[in-house]
Amino acid sequence: RGCGEVLALRSMGFSQEQARRLLGLQPQLGPERPEAAAAQLLLLGLSAEAALALLERSPALLRLPTERLKERAEDLRRLGLDGGRVARRGRAGAQRSPAWPLTRCPQV
């Protein structure tokens, strides 16, 4: 892998090892996909470690076009994901599960 891809991920907050793991997830897709997916997850407020863990568990996210990733991230924001955590909103102080957006809209 080129130094540019690693440096870009390092500037987003990933360690050298995390950047290497992220770039190795779907190497046939090229370095742009992992970088774009990671950027969207970080913008949602996930930590670098949480973003990497999610992409390792769900590498299909890397195959989504960048625009689709942005749409999905916006959907999650609208559903209350803020700072990597679900905003706890509901009627009469009801608490929602952290997985609420995903159970209500599994396609997200």
PDB file of N, CA and C in Angstrom:
ATOM      1  N   ARG A   1       0.848  -1.193   0.000  1.00  0.00           N
ATOM      2  CA  ARG A   1       0.000   0.000   0.000  1.00  0.00           C
ATOM      3  C   ARG A   1       0.876   1.233   0.000  1.00  0.00           C
ATOM      4  N   GLY A   2       0.371   2.268  -0.643  1.00  0.00           N
ATOM      5  CA  GLY A   2       1.112   3.506  -0.696  1.00  0.00           C
ATOM      6  C   GLY A   2       1.038   4.269   0.611  1.00  0.00           C
ATOM      7  N   CYS A   3       2.039   5.088   0.798  1.00  0.00           N
ATOM      8  CA  CYS A   3       2.085   5.895   2.020  1.00  0.00           C
ATOM      9  C   CYS A   3       0.940   6.893   2.077  1.00  0.00           C
ATOM     10  N   GLY A   4       0.456   7.350   0.919  1.00  0.00           N
ATOM     11  CA  GLY A   4      -0.617   8.338   0.892  1.00  0.00           C
ATOM     12  C   GLY A   4      -1.895   7.836   1.529  1.00  0.00           C
ATOM     13  N   GLU A   5      -2.258   6.588   1.240  1.00  0.00           N
ATOM     14  CA  GLU A   5      -3.481   6.029   1.806  1.00  0.00           C
ATOM     15  C   GLU A   5      -3.363   5.885   3.324  1.00  0.00           C
ATOM     16  N   VAL A   6      -2.209   5.405   3.770  1.00  0.00           N
ATOM     17  CA  VAL A   6      -1.984   5.231   5.200  1.00  0.00           C
ATOM     18  C   VAL A   6      -1.987   6.592   5.890  1.00  0.00           C
ATOM     19  N   LEU A   7      -1.320   7.577   5.299  1.00  0.00           N
ATOM     20  CA  LEU A   7      -1.283   8.918   5.896  1.00  0.00           C
ATOM     21  C   LEU A   7      -2.676   9.533   5.977  1.00  0.00           C
ATOM     22  N   ALA A   8      -3.495   9.321   4.957  1.00  0.00           N
ATOM     23  CA  ALA A   8      -4.859   9.851   4.974  1.00  0.00           C
ATOM     24  C   ALA A   8      -5.645   9.251   6.127  1.00  0.00           C
ATOM     25  N   LEU A   9      -5.529   7.947   6.316  1.00  0.00           N
ATOM     26  CA  LEU A   9      -6.234   7.289   7.424  1.00  0.00           C
ATOM     27  C   LEU A   9      -5.644   7.706   8.768  1.00  0.00           C
ATOM     28  N   ARG A  10      -4.339   7.874   8.835  1.00  0.00           N
ATOM     29  CA  ARG A  10      -3.699   8.335  10.083  1.00  0.00           C
ATOM     30  C   ARG A  10      -4.206   9.723  10.444  1.00  0.00           C
ATOM     31  N   SER A  11      -4.396  10.578   9.428  1.00  0.00           N
ATOM     32  CA  SER A  11      -4.880  11.937   9.708  1.00  0.00           C
ATOM     33  C   SER A  11      -6.326  11.926  10.209  1.00  0.00           C
ATOM     34  N   MET A  12      -7.058  10.839   9.953  1.00  0.00           N
ATOM     35  CA  MET A  12      -8.426  10.697  10.457  1.00  0.00           C
ATOM     36  C   MET A  12      -8.461  10.157  11.877  1.00  0.00           C
ATOM     37  N   GLY A  13      -7.314   9.719  12.389  1.00  0.00           N
ATOM     38  CA  GLY A  13      -7.265   9.229  13.759  1.00  0.00           C
ATOM     39  C   GLY A  13      -6.972   7.746  13.895  1.00  0.00           C
ATOM     40  N   PHE A  14      -6.745   7.062  12.779  1.00  0.00           N
ATOM     41  CA  PHE A  14      -6.416   5.640  12.840  1.00  0.00           C
ATOM     42  C   PHE A  14      -4.935   5.477  13.147  1.00  0.00           C
ATOM     43  N   SER A  15      -4.603   4.438  13.901  1.00  0.00           N
ATOM     44  CA  SER A  15      -3.196   4.127  14.144  1.00  0.00           C
ATOM     45  C   SER A  15      -2.613   3.487  12.881  1.00  0.00           C
ATOM     46  N   GLN A  16      -1.309   3.324  12.870  1.00  0.00           N
ATOM     47  CA  GLN A  16      -0.639   2.675  11.739  1.00  0.00           C
ATOM     48  C   GLN A  16      -1.209   1.274  11.522  1.00  0.00           C
ATOM     49  N   GLU A  17      -1.364   0.516  12.601  1.00  0.00           N
ATOM     50  CA  GLU A  17      -1.897  -0.853  12.522  1.00  0.00           C
ATOM     51  C   GLU A  17      -3.352  -0.850  12.058  1.00  0.00           C
ATOM     52  N   GLN A  18      -4.169   0.050  12.582  1.00  0.00           N
ATOM     53  CA  GLN A  18      -5.571   0.139  12.162  1.00  0.00           C
ATOM     54  C   GLN A  18      -5.665   0.490  10.679  1.00  0.00           C
ATOM     55  N   ALA A  19      -4.839   1.415  10.222  1.00  0.00           N
ATOM     56  CA  ALA A  19      -4.844   1.801   8.805  1.00  0.00           C
ATOM     57  C   ALA A  19      -4.475   0.608   7.931  1.00  0.00           C
ATOM     58  N   ARG A  20      -3.472  -0.151   8.353  1.00  0.00           N
ATOM     59  CA  ARG A  20      -3.062  -1.342   7.598  1.00  0.00           C
ATOM     60  C   ARG A  20      -4.198  -2.357   7.527  1.00  0.00           C
ATOM     61  N   ARG A  21      -4.864  -2.590   8.670  1.00  0.00           N
ATOM     62  CA  ARG A  21      -5.990  -3.537   8.699  1.00  0.00           C
ATOM     63  C   ARG A  21      -7.135  -3.055   7.818  1.00  0.00           C
ATOM     64  N   LEU A  22      -7.431  -1.778   7.885  1.00  0.00           N
ATOM     65  CA  LEU A  22      -8.523  -1.221   7.101  1.00  0.00           C
ATOM     66  C   LEU A  22      -8.247  -1.330   5.599  1.00  0.00           C
ATOM     67  N   LEU A  23      -7.039  -1.012   5.189  1.00  0.00           N
ATOM     68  CA  LEU A  23      -6.697  -1.092   3.769  1.00  0.00           C
ATOM     69  C   LEU A  23      -6.651  -2.535   3.273  1.00  0.00           C
ATOM     70  N   GLY A  24      -6.484  -3.486   4.163  1.00  0.00           N
ATOM     71  CA  GLY A  24      -6.441  -4.893   3.770  1.00  0.00           C
ATOM     72  C   GLY A  24      -7.800  -5.573   3.710  1.00  0.00           C
ATOM     73  N   LEU A  25      -8.864  -4.870   4.075  1.00  0.00           N
ATOM     74  CA  LEU A  25     -10.181  -5.513   4.127  1.00  0.00           C
ATOM     75  C   LEU A  25     -10.688  -5.978   2.763  1.00  0.00           C
ATOM     76  N   GLN A  26     -10.693  -5.136   1.797  1.00  0.00           N
ATOM     77  CA  GLN A  26     -11.170  -5.482   0.453  1.00  0.00           C
ATOM     78  C   GLN A  26     -10.176  -4.883  -0.548  1.00  0.00           C
ATOM     79  N   PRO A  27      -8.964  -5.442  -0.622  1.00  0.00           N
ATOM     80  CA  PRO A  27      -7.909  -4.807  -1.425  1.00  0.00           C
ATOM     81  C   PRO A  27      -8.258  -4.632  -2.901  1.00  0.00           C
ATOM     82  N   GLN A  28      -9.130  -5.488  -3.432  1.00  0.00           N
ATOM     83  CA  GLN A  28      -9.475  -5.377  -4.849  1.00  0.00           C
ATOM     84  C   GLN A  28     -10.295  -4.117  -5.144  1.00  0.00           C
ATOM     85  N   LEU A  29     -10.868  -3.504  -4.118  1.00  0.00           N
ATOM     86  CA  LEU A  29     -11.683  -2.303  -4.324  1.00  0.00           C
ATOM     87  C   LEU A  29     -10.843  -1.037  -4.437  1.00  0.00           C
ATOM     88  N   GLY A  30      -9.586  -1.110  -4.042  1.00  0.00           N
ATOM     89  CA  GLY A  30      -8.749   0.077  -4.052  1.00  0.00           C
ATOM     90  C   GLY A  30      -8.850   0.818  -2.728  1.00  0.00           C
ATOM     91  N   PRO A  31      -7.927   1.752  -2.485  1.00  0.00           N
ATOM     92  CA  PRO A  31      -7.865   2.426  -1.192  1.00  0.00           C
ATOM     93  C   PRO A  31      -8.955   3.467  -0.961  1.00  0.00           C
ATOM     94  N   GLU A  32      -9.626   3.912  -2.029  1.00  0.00           N
ATOM     95  CA  GLU A  32     -10.627   4.968  -1.868  1.00  0.00           C
ATOM     96  C   GLU A  32     -11.829   4.489  -1.062  1.00  0.00           C
ATOM     97  N   ARG A  33     -12.255   3.266  -1.264  1.00  0.00           N
ATOM     98  CA  ARG A  33     -13.454   2.751  -0.597  1.00  0.00           C
ATOM     99  C   ARG A  33     -13.292   2.681   0.917  1.00  0.00           C
ATOM    100  N   PRO A  34     -12.225   2.051   1.428  1.00  0.00           N
ATOM    101  CA  PRO A  34     -12.079   2.022   2.887  1.00  0.00           C
ATOM    102  C   PRO A  34     -11.976   3.429   3.480  1.00  0.00           C
ATOM    103  N   GLU A  35     -11.280   4.307   2.785  1.00  0.00           N
ATOM    104  CA  GLU A  35     -11.126   5.679   3.279  1.00  0.00           C
ATOM    105  C   GLU A  35     -12.472   6.396   3.322  1.00  0.00           C
ATOM    106  N   ALA A  36     -13.290   6.246   2.274  1.00  0.00           N
ATOM    107  CA  ALA A  36     -14.605   6.902   2.230  1.00  0.00           C
ATOM    108  C   ALA A  36     -15.536   6.329   3.293  1.00  0.00           C
ATOM    109  N   ALA A  37     -15.527   5.010   3.450  1.00  0.00           N
ATOM    110  CA  ALA A  37     -16.388   4.383   4.452  1.00  0.00           C
ATOM    111  C   ALA A  37     -15.966   4.811   5.850  1.00  0.00           C
ATOM    112  N   ALA A  38     -14.680   4.810   6.105  1.00  0.00           N
ATOM    113  CA  ALA A  38     -14.184   5.221   7.417  1.00  0.00           C
ATOM    114  C   ALA A  38     -14.551   6.670   7.704  1.00  0.00           C
ATOM    115  N   ALA A  39     -14.424   7.529   6.710  1.00  0.00           N
ATOM    116  CA  ALA A  39     -14.753   8.946   6.901  1.00  0.00           C
ATOM    117  C   ALA A  39     -16.215   9.123   7.298  1.00  0.00           C
ATOM    118  N   GLN A  40     -17.125   8.400   6.658  1.00  0.00           N
ATOM    119  CA  GLN A  40     -18.548   8.518   6.993  1.00  0.00           C
ATOM    120  C   GLN A  40     -18.818   8.030   8.411  1.00  0.00           C
ATOM    121  N   LEU A  41     -18.178   6.951   8.811  1.00  0.00           N
ATOM    122  CA  LEU A  41     -18.381   6.430  10.159  1.00  0.00           C
ATOM    123  C   LEU A  41     -17.816   7.381  11.213  1.00  0.00           C
ATOM    124  N   LEU A  42     -16.678   7.987  10.912  1.00  0.00           N
ATOM    125  CA  LEU A  42     -16.106   8.956  11.839  1.00  0.00           C
ATOM    126  C   LEU A  42     -16.984  10.196  11.946  1.00  0.00           C
ATOM    127  N   LEU A  43     -17.585  10.602  10.829  1.00  0.00           N
ATOM    128  CA  LEU A  43     -18.491  11.751  10.856  1.00  0.00           C
ATOM    129  C   LEU A  43     -19.732  11.476  11.693  1.00  0.00           C
ATOM    130  N   LEU A  44     -20.092  10.203  11.820  1.00  0.00           N
ATOM    131  CA  LEU A  44     -21.215   9.831  12.685  1.00  0.00           C
ATOM    132  C   LEU A  44     -20.828   9.897  14.161  1.00  0.00           C
ATOM    133  N   GLY A  45     -19.544  10.038  14.424  1.00  0.00           N
ATOM    134  CA  GLY A  45     -19.089  10.144  15.803  1.00  0.00           C
ATOM    135  C   GLY A  45     -18.476   8.873  16.350  1.00  0.00           C
ATOM    136  N   LEU A  46     -18.312   7.850  15.519  1.00  0.00           N
ATOM    137  CA  LEU A  46     -17.674   6.629  15.980  1.00  0.00           C
ATOM    138  C   LEU A  46     -16.181   6.877  16.138  1.00  0.00           C
ATOM    139  N   SER A  47     -15.566   6.165  17.054  1.00  0.00           N
ATOM    140  CA  SER A  47     -14.117   6.235  17.209  1.00  0.00           C
ATOM    141  C   SER A  47     -13.469   5.457  16.062  1.00  0.00           C
ATOM    142  N   ALA A  48     -12.185   5.664  15.875  1.00  0.00           N
ATOM    143  CA  ALA A  48     -11.468   4.917  14.838  1.00  0.00           C
ATOM    144  C   ALA A  48     -11.563   3.422  15.096  1.00  0.00           C
ATOM    145  N   GLU A  49     -11.431   3.020  16.361  1.00  0.00           N
ATOM    146  CA  GLU A  49     -11.511   1.595  16.713  1.00  0.00           C
ATOM    147  C   GLU A  49     -12.895   1.032  16.411  1.00  0.00           C
ATOM    148  N   ALA A  50     -13.946   1.775  16.756  1.00  0.00           N
ATOM    149  CA  ALA A  50     -15.312   1.307  16.501  1.00  0.00           C
ATOM    150  C   ALA A  50     -15.595   1.245  14.999  1.00  0.00           C
ATOM    151  N   ALA A  51     -15.114   2.225  14.246  1.00  0.00           N
ATOM    152  CA  ALA A  51     -15.318   2.231  12.789  1.00  0.00           C
ATOM    153  C   ALA A  51     -14.622   1.031  12.155  1.00  0.00           C
ATOM    154  N   LEU A  52     -13.404   0.763  12.573  1.00  0.00           N
ATOM    155  CA  LEU A  52     -12.669  -0.384  12.041  1.00  0.00           C
ATOM    156  C   LEU A  52     -13.379  -1.686  12.393  1.00  0.00           C
ATOM    157  N   ALA A  53     -13.820  -1.812  13.631  1.00  0.00           N
ATOM    158  CA  ALA A  53     -14.514  -3.038  14.050  1.00  0.00           C
ATOM    159  C   ALA A  53     -15.782  -3.241  13.223  1.00  0.00           C
ATOM    160  N   LEU A  54     -16.521  -2.180  12.982  1.00  0.00           N
ATOM    161  CA  LEU A  54     -17.743  -2.284  12.182  1.00  0.00           C
ATOM    162  C   LEU A  54     -17.424  -2.712  10.756  1.00  0.00           C
ATOM    163  N   LEU A  55     -16.408  -2.125  10.149  1.00  0.00           N
ATOM    164  CA  LEU A  55     -16.048  -2.489   8.777  1.00  0.00           C
ATOM    165  C   LEU A  55     -15.482  -3.897   8.692  1.00  0.00           C
ATOM    166  N   GLU A  56     -14.810  -4.350   9.743  1.00  0.00           N
ATOM    167  CA  GLU A  56     -14.326  -5.729   9.753  1.00  0.00           C
ATOM    168  C   GLU A  56     -15.482  -6.710   9.884  1.00  0.00           C
ATOM    169  N   ARG A  57     -16.500  -6.348  10.664  1.00  0.00           N
ATOM    170  CA  ARG A  57     -17.679  -7.220  10.820  1.00  0.00           C
ATOM    171  C   ARG A  57     -18.582  -7.168   9.599  1.00  0.00           C
ATOM    172  N   SER A  58     -18.634  -6.033   8.917  1.00  0.00           N
ATOM    173  CA  SER A  58     -19.537  -5.842   7.780  1.00  0.00           C
ATOM    174  C   SER A  58     -18.772  -5.292   6.576  1.00  0.00           C
ATOM    175  N   PRO A  59     -17.893  -6.094   5.989  1.00  0.00           N
ATOM    176  CA  PRO A  59     -17.087  -5.595   4.870  1.00  0.00           C
ATOM    177  C   PRO A  59     -17.926  -5.248   3.634  1.00  0.00           C
ATOM    178  N   ALA A  60     -19.176  -5.680   3.592  1.00  0.00           N
ATOM    179  CA  ALA A  60     -20.044  -5.325   2.460  1.00  0.00           C
ATOM    180  C   ALA A  60     -20.233  -3.813   2.373  1.00  0.00           C
ATOM    181  N   LEU A  61     -20.087  -3.113   3.494  1.00  0.00           N
ATOM    182  CA  LEU A  61     -20.197  -1.651   3.475  1.00  0.00           C
ATOM    183  C   LEU A  61     -19.162  -1.022   2.547  1.00  0.00           C
ATOM    184  N   LEU A  62     -18.034  -1.691   2.393  1.00  0.00           N
ATOM    185  CA  LEU A  62     -16.969  -1.159   1.542  1.00  0.00           C
ATOM    186  C   LEU A  62     -17.333  -1.215   0.062  1.00  0.00           C
ATOM    187  N   ARG A  63     -18.268  -2.068  -0.295  1.00  0.00           N
ATOM    188  CA  ARG A  63     -18.649  -2.191  -1.703  1.00  0.00           C
ATOM    189  C   ARG A  63     -19.726  -1.188  -2.104  1.00  0.00           C
ATOM    190  N   LEU A  64     -20.295  -0.498  -1.123  1.00  0.00           N
ATOM    191  CA  LEU A  64     -21.322   0.502  -1.438  1.00  0.00           C
ATOM    192  C   LEU A  64     -20.691   1.729  -2.089  1.00  0.00           C
ATOM    193  N   PRO A  65     -21.371   2.296  -3.063  1.00  0.00           N
ATOM    194  CA  PRO A  65     -20.869   3.554  -3.630  1.00  0.00           C
ATOM    195  C   PRO A  65     -20.820   4.630  -2.549  1.00  0.00           C
ATOM    196  N   THR A  66     -19.883   5.548  -2.673  1.00  0.00           N
ATOM    197  CA  THR A  66     -19.697   6.600  -1.678  1.00  0.00           C
ATOM    198  C   THR A  66     -20.978   7.380  -1.439  1.00  0.00           C
ATOM    199  N   GLU A  67     -21.727   7.673  -2.492  1.00  0.00           N
ATOM    200  CA  GLU A  67     -22.982   8.420  -2.324  1.00  0.00           C
ATOM    201  C   GLU A  67     -23.985   7.643  -1.482  1.00  0.00           C
ATOM    202  N   ARG A  68     -24.037   6.339  -1.664  1.00  0.00           N
ATOM    203  CA  ARG A  68     -24.960   5.505  -0.879  1.00  0.00           C
ATOM    204  C   ARG A  68     -24.542   5.491   0.593  1.00  0.00           C
ATOM    205  N   LEU A  69     -23.230   5.437   0.837  1.00  0.00           N
ATOM    206  CA  LEU A  69     -22.732   5.507   2.212  1.00  0.00           C
ATOM    207  C   LEU A  69     -23.153   6.816   2.873  1.00  0.00           C
ATOM    208  N   LYS A  70     -23.041   7.911   2.133  1.00  0.00           N
ATOM    209  CA  LYS A  70     -23.434   9.219   2.673  1.00  0.00           C
ATOM    210  C   LYS A  70     -24.920   9.244   2.981  1.00  0.00           C
ATOM    211  N   GLU A  71     -25.737   8.659   2.094  1.00  0.00           N
ATOM    212  CA  GLU A  71     -27.190   8.601   2.333  1.00  0.00           C
ATOM    213  C   GLU A  71     -27.498   7.800   3.588  1.00  0.00           C
ATOM    214  N   ARG A  72     -26.841   6.662   3.742  1.00  0.00           N
ATOM    215  CA  ARG A  72     -27.081   5.820   4.922  1.00  0.00           C
ATOM    216  C   ARG A  72     -26.651   6.534   6.198  1.00  0.00           C
ATOM    217  N   ALA A  73     -25.531   7.231   6.137  1.00  0.00           N
ATOM    218  CA  ALA A  73     -25.072   7.986   7.306  1.00  0.00           C
ATOM    219  C   ALA A  73     -26.080   9.075   7.661  1.00  0.00           C
ATOM    220  N   GLU A  74     -26.610   9.747   6.660  1.00  0.00           N
ATOM    221  CA  GLU A  74     -27.618  10.792   6.905  1.00  0.00           C
ATOM    222  C   GLU A  74     -28.889  10.175   7.489  1.00  0.00           C
ATOM    223  N   ASP A  75     -29.280   9.004   7.010  1.00  0.00           N
ATOM    224  CA  ASP A  75     -30.443   8.306   7.574  1.00  0.00           C
ATOM    225  C   ASP A  75     -30.228   8.021   9.056  1.00  0.00           C
ATOM    226  N   LEU A  76     -29.042   7.569   9.408  1.00  0.00           N
ATOM    227  CA  LEU A  76     -28.750   7.273  10.814  1.00  0.00           C
ATOM    228  C   LEU A  76     -28.782   8.548  11.658  1.00  0.00           C
ATOM    229  N   ARG A  77     -28.266   9.654  11.113  1.00  0.00           N
ATOM    230  CA  ARG A  77     -28.322  10.922  11.844  1.00  0.00           C
ATOM    231  C   ARG A  77     -29.766  11.336  12.089  1.00  0.00           C
ATOM    232  N   ARG A  78     -30.609  11.186  11.058  1.00  0.00           N
ATOM    233  CA  ARG A  78     -32.021  11.546  11.195  1.00  0.00           C
ATOM    234  C   ARG A  78     -32.732  10.677  12.229  1.00  0.00           C
ATOM    235  N   LEU A  79     -32.281   9.433  12.349  1.00  0.00           N
ATOM    236  CA  LEU A  79     -32.891   8.513  13.315  1.00  0.00           C
ATOM    237  C   LEU A  79     -32.356   8.715  14.733  1.00  0.00           C
ATOM    238  N   GLY A  80     -31.404   9.610  14.881  1.00  0.00           N
ATOM    239  CA  GLY A  80     -30.959   9.945  16.223  1.00  0.00           C
ATOM    240  C   GLY A  80     -29.565   9.503  16.599  1.00  0.00           C
ATOM    241  N   LEU A  81     -28.772   8.987  15.661  1.00  0.00           N
ATOM    242  CA  LEU A  81     -27.404   8.622  15.996  1.00  0.00           C
ATOM    243  C   LEU A  81     -26.602   9.912  16.083  1.00  0.00           C
ATOM    244  N   ASP A  82     -26.039  10.153  17.241  1.00  0.00           N
ATOM    245  CA  ASP A  82     -25.300  11.387  17.462  1.00  0.00           C
ATOM    246  C   ASP A  82     -24.069  11.061  18.291  1.00  0.00           C
ATOM    247  N   GLY A  83     -22.931  11.387  17.774  1.00  0.00           N
ATOM    248  CA  GLY A  83     -21.708  11.106  18.506  1.00  0.00           C
ATOM    249  C   GLY A  83     -21.457   9.632  18.708  1.00  0.00           C
ATOM    250  N   GLY A  84     -21.925   8.796  17.788  1.00  0.00           N
ATOM    251  CA  GLY A  84     -21.732   7.357  17.907  1.00  0.00           C
ATOM    252  C   GLY A  84     -22.715   6.700  18.846  1.00  0.00           C
ATOM    253  N   ARG A  85     -23.628   7.468  19.398  1.00  0.00           N
ATOM    254  CA  ARG A  85     -24.628   6.935  20.312  1.00  0.00           C
ATOM    255  C   ARG A  85     -26.003   7.382  19.848  1.00  0.00           C
ATOM    256  N   VAL A  86     -26.972   6.573  20.164  1.00  0.00           N
ATOM    257  CA  VAL A  86     -28.345   6.904  19.810  1.00  0.00           C
ATOM    258  C   VAL A  86     -28.862   7.933  20.798  1.00  0.00           C
ATOM    259  N   ALA A  87     -29.439   8.994  20.262  1.00  0.00           N
ATOM    260  CA  ALA A  87     -30.075   9.984  21.127  1.00  0.00           C
ATOM    261  C   ALA A  87     -31.282   9.330  21.772  1.00  0.00           C
ATOM    262  N   ARG A  88     -31.400   9.447  23.044  1.00  0.00           N
ATOM    263  CA  ARG A  88     -32.495   8.804  23.780  1.00  0.00           C
ATOM    264  C   ARG A  88     -33.701   9.729  23.781  1.00  0.00           C
ATOM    265  N   ARG A  89     -34.573   9.517  22.818  1.00  0.00           N
ATOM    266  CA  ARG A  89     -35.786  10.305  22.728  1.00  0.00           C
ATOM    267  C   ARG A  89     -36.961   9.359  22.678  1.00  0.00           C
ATOM    268  N   GLY A  90     -38.029   9.774  23.244  1.00  0.00           N
ATOM    269  CA  GLY A  90     -39.216   8.946  23.193  1.00  0.00           C
ATOM    270  C   GLY A  90     -40.328   9.597  23.978  1.00  0.00           C
ATOM    271  N   ARG A  91     -41.466   8.960  23.960  1.00  0.00           N
ATOM    272  CA  ARG A  91     -42.616   9.483  24.685  1.00  0.00           C
ATOM    273  C   ARG A  91     -42.455   9.260  26.180  1.00  0.00           C
ATOM    274  N   ALA A  92     -42.818  10.250  26.935  1.00  0.00           N
ATOM    275  CA  ALA A  92     -42.856  10.172  28.403  1.00  0.00           C
ATOM    276  C   ALA A  92     -41.563   9.613  28.983  1.00  0.00           C
ATOM    277  N   GLY A  93     -40.438  10.038  28.405  1.00  0.00           N
ATOM    278  CA  GLY A  93     -39.149   9.638  28.955  1.00  0.00           C
ATOM    279  C   GLY A  93     -38.768   8.199  28.676  1.00  0.00           C
ATOM    280  N   ALA A  94     -39.468   7.536  27.767  1.00  0.00           N
ATOM    281  CA  ALA A  94     -39.154   6.134  27.456  1.00  0.00           C
ATOM    282  C   ALA A  94     -37.732   6.040  26.906  1.00  0.00           C
ATOM    283  N   GLN A  95     -37.018   5.053  27.350  1.00  0.00           N
ATOM    284  CA  GLN A  95     -35.658   4.831  26.873  1.00  0.00           C
ATOM    285  C   GLN A  95     -35.687   3.922  25.651  1.00  0.00           C
ATOM    286  N   ARG A  96     -34.898   4.269  24.664  1.00  0.00           N
ATOM    287  CA  ARG A  96     -34.787   3.427  23.473  1.00  0.00           C
ATOM    288  C   ARG A  96     -33.490   2.658  23.513  1.00  0.00           C
ATOM    289  N   SER A  97     -33.534   1.490  22.971  1.00  0.00           N
ATOM    290  CA  SER A  97     -32.358   0.651  22.871  1.00  0.00           C
ATOM    291  C   SER A  97     -31.345   1.305  21.939  1.00  0.00           C
ATOM    292  N   PRO A  98     -30.032   1.115  22.180  1.00  0.00           N
ATOM    293  CA  PRO A  98     -29.027   1.657  21.264  1.00  0.00           C
ATOM    294  C   PRO A  98     -29.170   1.115  19.843  1.00  0.00           C
ATOM    295  N   ALA A  99     -29.819  -0.019  19.679  1.00  0.00           N
ATOM    296  CA  ALA A  99     -29.993  -0.595  18.337  1.00  0.00           C
ATOM    297  C   ALA A  99     -31.283  -0.132  17.679  1.00  0.00           C
ATOM    298  N   TRP A 100     -32.014   0.799  18.321  1.00  0.00           N
ATOM    299  CA  TRP A 100     -33.312   1.225  17.809  1.00  0.00           C
ATOM    300  C   TRP A 100     -33.301   1.614  16.332  1.00  0.00           C
ATOM    301  N   PRO A 101     -32.364   2.445  15.856  1.00  0.00           N
ATOM    302  CA  PRO A 101     -32.418   2.789  14.427  1.00  0.00           C
ATOM    303  C   PRO A 101     -32.292   1.579  13.520  1.00  0.00           C
ATOM    304  N   LEU A 102     -31.488   0.608  13.937  1.00  0.00           N
ATOM    305  CA  LEU A 102     -31.275  -0.552  13.078  1.00  0.00           C
ATOM    306  C   LEU A 102     -32.440  -1.522  13.128  1.00  0.00           C
ATOM    307  N   THR A 103     -33.165  -1.559  14.234  1.00  0.00           N
ATOM    308  CA  THR A 103     -34.323  -2.451  14.288  1.00  0.00           C
ATOM    309  C   THR A 103     -35.520  -1.818  13.595  1.00  0.00           C
ATOM    310  N   ARG A 104     -35.629  -0.504  13.634  1.00  0.00           N
ATOM    311  CA  ARG A 104     -36.719   0.181  12.975  1.00  0.00           C
ATOM    312  C   ARG A 104     -36.497   0.282  11.462  1.00  0.00           C
ATOM    313  N   CYS A 105     -35.286   0.408  11.046  1.00  0.00           N
ATOM    314  CA  CYS A 105     -34.941   0.557   9.624  1.00  0.00           C
ATOM    315  C   CYS A 105     -33.750  -0.335   9.311  1.00  0.00           C
ATOM    316  N   PRO A 106     -33.926  -1.648   9.247  1.00  0.00           N
ATOM    317  CA  PRO A 106     -32.790  -2.539   9.070  1.00  0.00           C
ATOM    318  C   PRO A 106     -32.008  -2.327   7.774  1.00  0.00           C
ATOM    319  N   GLN A 107     -32.635  -1.717   6.766  1.00  0.00           N
ATOM    320  CA  GLN A 107     -31.904  -1.482   5.524  1.00  0.00           C
ATOM    321  C   GLN A 107     -30.809  -0.448   5.705  1.00  0.00           C
ATOM    322  N   VAL A 108     -30.885   0.342   6.778  1.00  0.00           N
ATOM    323  CA  VAL A 108     -29.844   1.316   7.075  1.00  0.00           C
ATOM    324  C   VAL A 108     -28.662   0.566   7.611  1.00  0.00           C
TER     325      VAL A 108
END
